[in-house]
Amino acid sequence: MKYSINLFGLMVDCDININGERLGIEIPEENQKALKNYLKRVLPKYGREVSNDSTLDSLVKLALDAEKTLDGRMVEPKLKLPYEFQPEIKEKLIEAAALQEISATQLLIRIIENKYQEIIGEEG
């Protein structure tokens, strides 16, 4: 079953698998890359040191530690976009974001990260 979960302030699409009484969550590779990029960008704002060589495992451990010390949840930074959209494009962006229960900015960031991964994946 397809489902979106909030991991450290980022909505991540995943597959939920149920085998008898065992529940498993599988995150597609492109979403793992998006999570990794997100954590690299956000963790320094929570006082954690990361590098371009940081592994997903180490980033998730840092994120877990950050949330434990916060007594709450990490949140995706709010960005004020430095440009305006045409009204009809803005309405579509807001509507699409509302359907996914995220902000328009979060949706735009997700779209950009997915496109970036698609392009980088083709070059690599």
C-alpha atoms as a PDB file:
ATOM      1  CA  MET A   1       0.000   0.000   0.000  1.00  0.00           C
ATOM      2  CA  LYS A   2       1.263   3.467  -0.876  1.00  0.00           C
ATOM      3  CA  TYR A   3       1.426   5.924   2.010  1.00  0.00           C
ATOM      4  CA  SER A   4       3.208   9.149   2.969  1.00  0.00           C
ATOM      5  CA  ILE A   5       4.973   9.439   6.314  1.00  0.00           C
ATOM      6  CA  ASN A   6       6.572  12.396   8.017  1.00  0.00           C
ATOM      7  CA  LEU A   7      10.232  11.685   8.678  1.00  0.00           C
ATOM      8  CA  PHE A   8      12.025  14.507  10.488  1.00  0.00           C
ATOM      9  CA  GLY A   9       9.744  17.130   8.961  1.00  0.00           C
ATOM     10  CA  LEU A  10       9.784  15.782   5.393  1.00  0.00           C
ATOM     11  CA  MET A  11       6.822  13.972   3.879  1.00  0.00           C
ATOM     12  CA  VAL A  12       8.208  10.793   2.281  1.00  0.00           C
ATOM     13  CA  ASP A  13       6.255   8.450   0.030  1.00  0.00           C
ATOM     14  CA  CYS A  14       6.648   4.803   1.004  1.00  0.00           C
ATOM     15  CA  ASP A  15       5.142   1.363   0.572  1.00  0.00           C
ATOM     16  CA  ILE A  16       3.609  -0.332   3.589  1.00  0.00           C
ATOM     17  CA  ASN A  17       3.825  -4.109   3.511  1.00  0.00           C
ATOM     18  CA  ILE A  18       1.870  -6.347   5.858  1.00  0.00           C
ATOM     19  CA  ASN A  19       2.841  -9.993   6.121  1.00  0.00           C
ATOM     20  CA  GLY A  20       0.659 -11.681   8.702  1.00  0.00           C
ATOM     21  CA  GLU A  21       1.151  -9.647  11.872  1.00  0.00           C
ATOM     22  CA  ARG A  22       4.397  -8.110  10.620  1.00  0.00           C
ATOM     23  CA  LEU A  23       4.398  -4.519   9.356  1.00  0.00           C
ATOM     24  CA  GLY A  24       7.175  -3.280   7.086  1.00  0.00           C
ATOM     25  CA  ILE A  25       7.868   0.067   5.483  1.00  0.00           C
ATOM     26  CA  GLU A  26       9.876   0.357   2.287  1.00  0.00           C
ATOM     27  CA  ILE A  27      11.056   3.715   0.992  1.00  0.00           C
ATOM     28  CA  PRO A  28      11.869   3.840  -2.739  1.00  0.00           C
ATOM     29  CA  GLU A  29      15.462   4.761  -3.595  1.00  0.00           C
ATOM     30  CA  GLU A  30      14.604   8.159  -5.087  1.00  0.00           C
ATOM     31  CA  ASN A  31      12.759   9.097  -1.878  1.00  0.00           C
ATOM     32  CA  GLN A  32      15.725   7.898   0.195  1.00  0.00           C
ATOM     33  CA  LYS A  33      17.963  10.222  -1.840  1.00  0.00           C
ATOM     34  CA  ALA A  34      15.523  13.103  -1.286  1.00  0.00           C
ATOM     35  CA  LEU A  35      15.513  12.352   2.468  1.00  0.00           C
ATOM     36  CA  LYS A  36      19.311  12.269   2.505  1.00  0.00           C
ATOM     37  CA  ASN A  37      19.555  15.641   0.718  1.00  0.00           C
ATOM     38  CA  TYR A  38      16.918  17.097   3.033  1.00  0.00           C
ATOM     39  CA  LEU A  39      18.758  15.934   6.159  1.00  0.00           C
ATOM     40  CA  LYS A  40      22.050  17.345   4.857  1.00  0.00           C
ATOM     41  CA  ARG A  41      20.323  20.688   4.407  1.00  0.00           C
ATOM     42  CA  VAL A  42      18.344  20.729   7.681  1.00  0.00           C
ATOM     43  CA  LEU A  43      20.539  19.063  10.310  1.00  0.00           C
ATOM     44  CA  PRO A  44      23.079  21.917  10.532  1.00  0.00           C
ATOM     45  CA  LYS A  45      20.188  24.175  11.603  1.00  0.00           C
ATOM     46  CA  TYR A  46      19.786  21.830  14.592  1.00  0.00           C
ATOM     47  CA  GLY A  47      23.462  21.975  15.526  1.00  0.00           C
ATOM     48  CA  ARG A  48      24.495  18.743  13.827  1.00  0.00           C
ATOM     49  CA  GLU A  49      27.613  18.512  11.679  1.00  0.00           C
ATOM     50  CA  VAL A  50      27.187  16.817   8.293  1.00  0.00           C
ATOM     51  CA  SER A  51      29.263  16.512   5.136  1.00  0.00           C
ATOM     52  CA  ASN A  52      28.669  15.556   1.533  1.00  0.00           C
ATOM     53  CA  ASP A  53      30.056  12.102   2.414  1.00  0.00           C
ATOM     54  CA  SER A  54      27.550  11.510   5.248  1.00  0.00           C
ATOM     55  CA  THR A  55      25.632   8.262   4.831  1.00  0.00           C
ATOM     56  CA  LEU A  56      21.861   7.986   5.122  1.00  0.00           C
ATOM     57  CA  ASP A  57      22.410   5.832   8.218  1.00  0.00           C
ATOM     58  CA  SER A  58      24.531   8.479   9.948  1.00  0.00           C
ATOM     59  CA  LEU A  59      22.129  11.267   8.933  1.00  0.00           C
ATOM     60  CA  VAL A  60      19.105   9.384  10.320  1.00  0.00           C
ATOM     61  CA  LYS A  61      20.973   8.743  13.587  1.00  0.00           C
ATOM     62  CA  LEU A  62      21.794  12.460  13.838  1.00  0.00           C
ATOM     63  CA  ALA A  63      18.158  13.330  13.097  1.00  0.00           C
ATOM     64  CA  LEU A  64      16.920  10.930  15.787  1.00  0.00           C
ATOM     65  CA  ASP A  65      19.354  12.472  18.253  1.00  0.00           C
ATOM     66  CA  ALA A  66      18.242  15.986  17.257  1.00  0.00           C
ATOM     67  CA  GLU A  67      14.593  15.134  17.837  1.00  0.00           C
ATOM     68  CA  LYS A  68      15.377  13.564  21.228  1.00  0.00           C
ATOM     69  CA  THR A  69      17.095  16.745  22.388  1.00  0.00           C
ATOM     70  CA  LEU A  70      14.326  18.937  20.943  1.00  0.00           C
ATOM     71  CA  ASP A  71      11.557  17.214  22.888  1.00  0.00           C
ATOM     72  CA  GLY A  72       9.624  17.482  19.660  1.00  0.00           C
ATOM     73  CA  ARG A  73       9.940  17.111  15.929  1.00  0.00           C
ATOM     74  CA  MET A  74      12.259  18.694  13.419  1.00  0.00           C
ATOM     75  CA  VAL A  75      10.500  20.839  10.849  1.00  0.00           C
ATOM     76  CA  GLU A  76      11.350  21.705   7.312  1.00  0.00           C
ATOM     77  CA  PRO A  77      12.604  25.274   7.094  1.00  0.00           C
ATOM     78  CA  LYS A  78      10.051  27.707   5.756  1.00  0.00           C
ATOM     79  CA  LEU A  79      11.246  29.449   2.639  1.00  0.00           C
ATOM     80  CA  LYS A  80       9.900  32.615   1.131  1.00  0.00           C
ATOM     81  CA  LEU A  81      10.229  32.113  -2.591  1.00  0.00           C
ATOM     82  CA  PRO A  82      11.942  35.065  -4.270  1.00  0.00           C
ATOM     83  CA  TYR A  83       9.551  35.150  -7.194  1.00  0.00           C
ATOM     84  CA  GLU A  84       5.891  35.145  -8.023  1.00  0.00           C
ATOM     85  CA  PHE A  85       3.919  32.573  -9.969  1.00  0.00           C
ATOM     86  CA  GLN A  86       1.159  33.261 -12.408  1.00  0.00           C
ATOM     87  CA  PRO A  87      -2.125  33.103 -10.438  1.00  0.00           C
ATOM     88  CA  GLU A  88      -3.359  29.933 -12.176  1.00  0.00           C
ATOM     89  CA  ILE A  89      -0.046  28.142 -11.535  1.00  0.00           C
ATOM     90  CA  LYS A  90      -0.071  29.245  -7.902  1.00  0.00           C
ATOM     91  CA  GLU A  91      -3.633  27.918  -7.476  1.00  0.00           C
ATOM     92  CA  LYS A  92      -2.637  24.536  -8.948  1.00  0.00           C
ATOM     93  CA  LEU A  93       0.424  24.363  -6.686  1.00  0.00           C
ATOM     94  CA  ILE A  94      -1.647  25.178  -3.589  1.00  0.00           C
ATOM     95  CA  GLU A  95      -4.353  22.677  -4.571  1.00  0.00           C
ATOM     96  CA  ALA A  96      -1.821  19.894  -5.228  1.00  0.00           C
ATOM     97  CA  ALA A  97      -0.099  20.623  -1.913  1.00  0.00           C
ATOM     98  CA  ALA A  98      -3.398  20.586  -0.010  1.00  0.00           C
ATOM     99  CA  LEU A  99      -4.250  17.176  -1.475  1.00  0.00           C
ATOM    100  CA  GLN A 100      -0.952  15.871  -0.068  1.00  0.00           C
ATOM    101  CA  GLU A 101      -1.409  17.733   3.243  1.00  0.00           C
ATOM    102  CA  ILE A 102       1.841  19.690   2.857  1.00  0.00           C
ATOM    103  CA  SER A 103       2.639  23.323   2.191  1.00  0.00           C
ATOM    104  CA  ALA A 104       3.044  24.638  -1.338  1.00  0.00           C
ATOM    105  CA  THR A 105       6.690  25.367  -0.549  1.00  0.00           C
ATOM    106  CA  GLN A 106       7.263  21.794   0.635  1.00  0.00           C
ATOM    107  CA  LEU A 107       5.669  20.477  -2.564  1.00  0.00           C
ATOM    108  CA  LEU A 108       7.824  22.741  -4.696  1.00  0.00           C
ATOM    109  CA  ILE A 109      10.951  21.604  -2.841  1.00  0.00           C
ATOM    110  CA  ARG A 110       9.927  17.957  -3.346  1.00  0.00           C
ATOM    111  CA  ILE A 111       9.391  18.528  -7.076  1.00  0.00           C
ATOM    112  CA  ILE A 112      12.764  20.249  -7.419  1.00  0.00           C
ATOM    113  CA  GLU A 113      14.577  17.536  -5.427  1.00  0.00           C
ATOM    114  CA  ASN A 114      12.939  14.768  -7.490  1.00  0.00           C
ATOM    115  CA  LYS A 115      13.903  16.487 -10.744  1.00  0.00           C
ATOM    116  CA  TYR A 116      17.431  17.051  -9.451  1.00  0.00           C
ATOM    117  CA  GLN A 117      17.761  13.353  -8.554  1.00  0.00           C
ATOM    118  CA  GLU A 118      16.407  12.398 -11.972  1.00  0.00           C
ATOM    119  CA  ILE A 119      19.009  14.555 -13.734  1.00  0.00           C
ATOM    120  CA  ILE A 120      21.921  13.595 -11.473  1.00  0.00           C
ATOM    121  CA  GLY A 121      20.930   9.925 -11.706  1.00  0.00           C
ATOM    122  CA  GLU A 122      21.106  10.093 -15.509  1.00  0.00           C
ATOM    123  CA  GLU A 123      24.579  11.667 -15.448  1.00  0.00           C
ATOM    124  CA  GLY A 124      26.023   9.272 -12.832  1.00  0.00           C
END
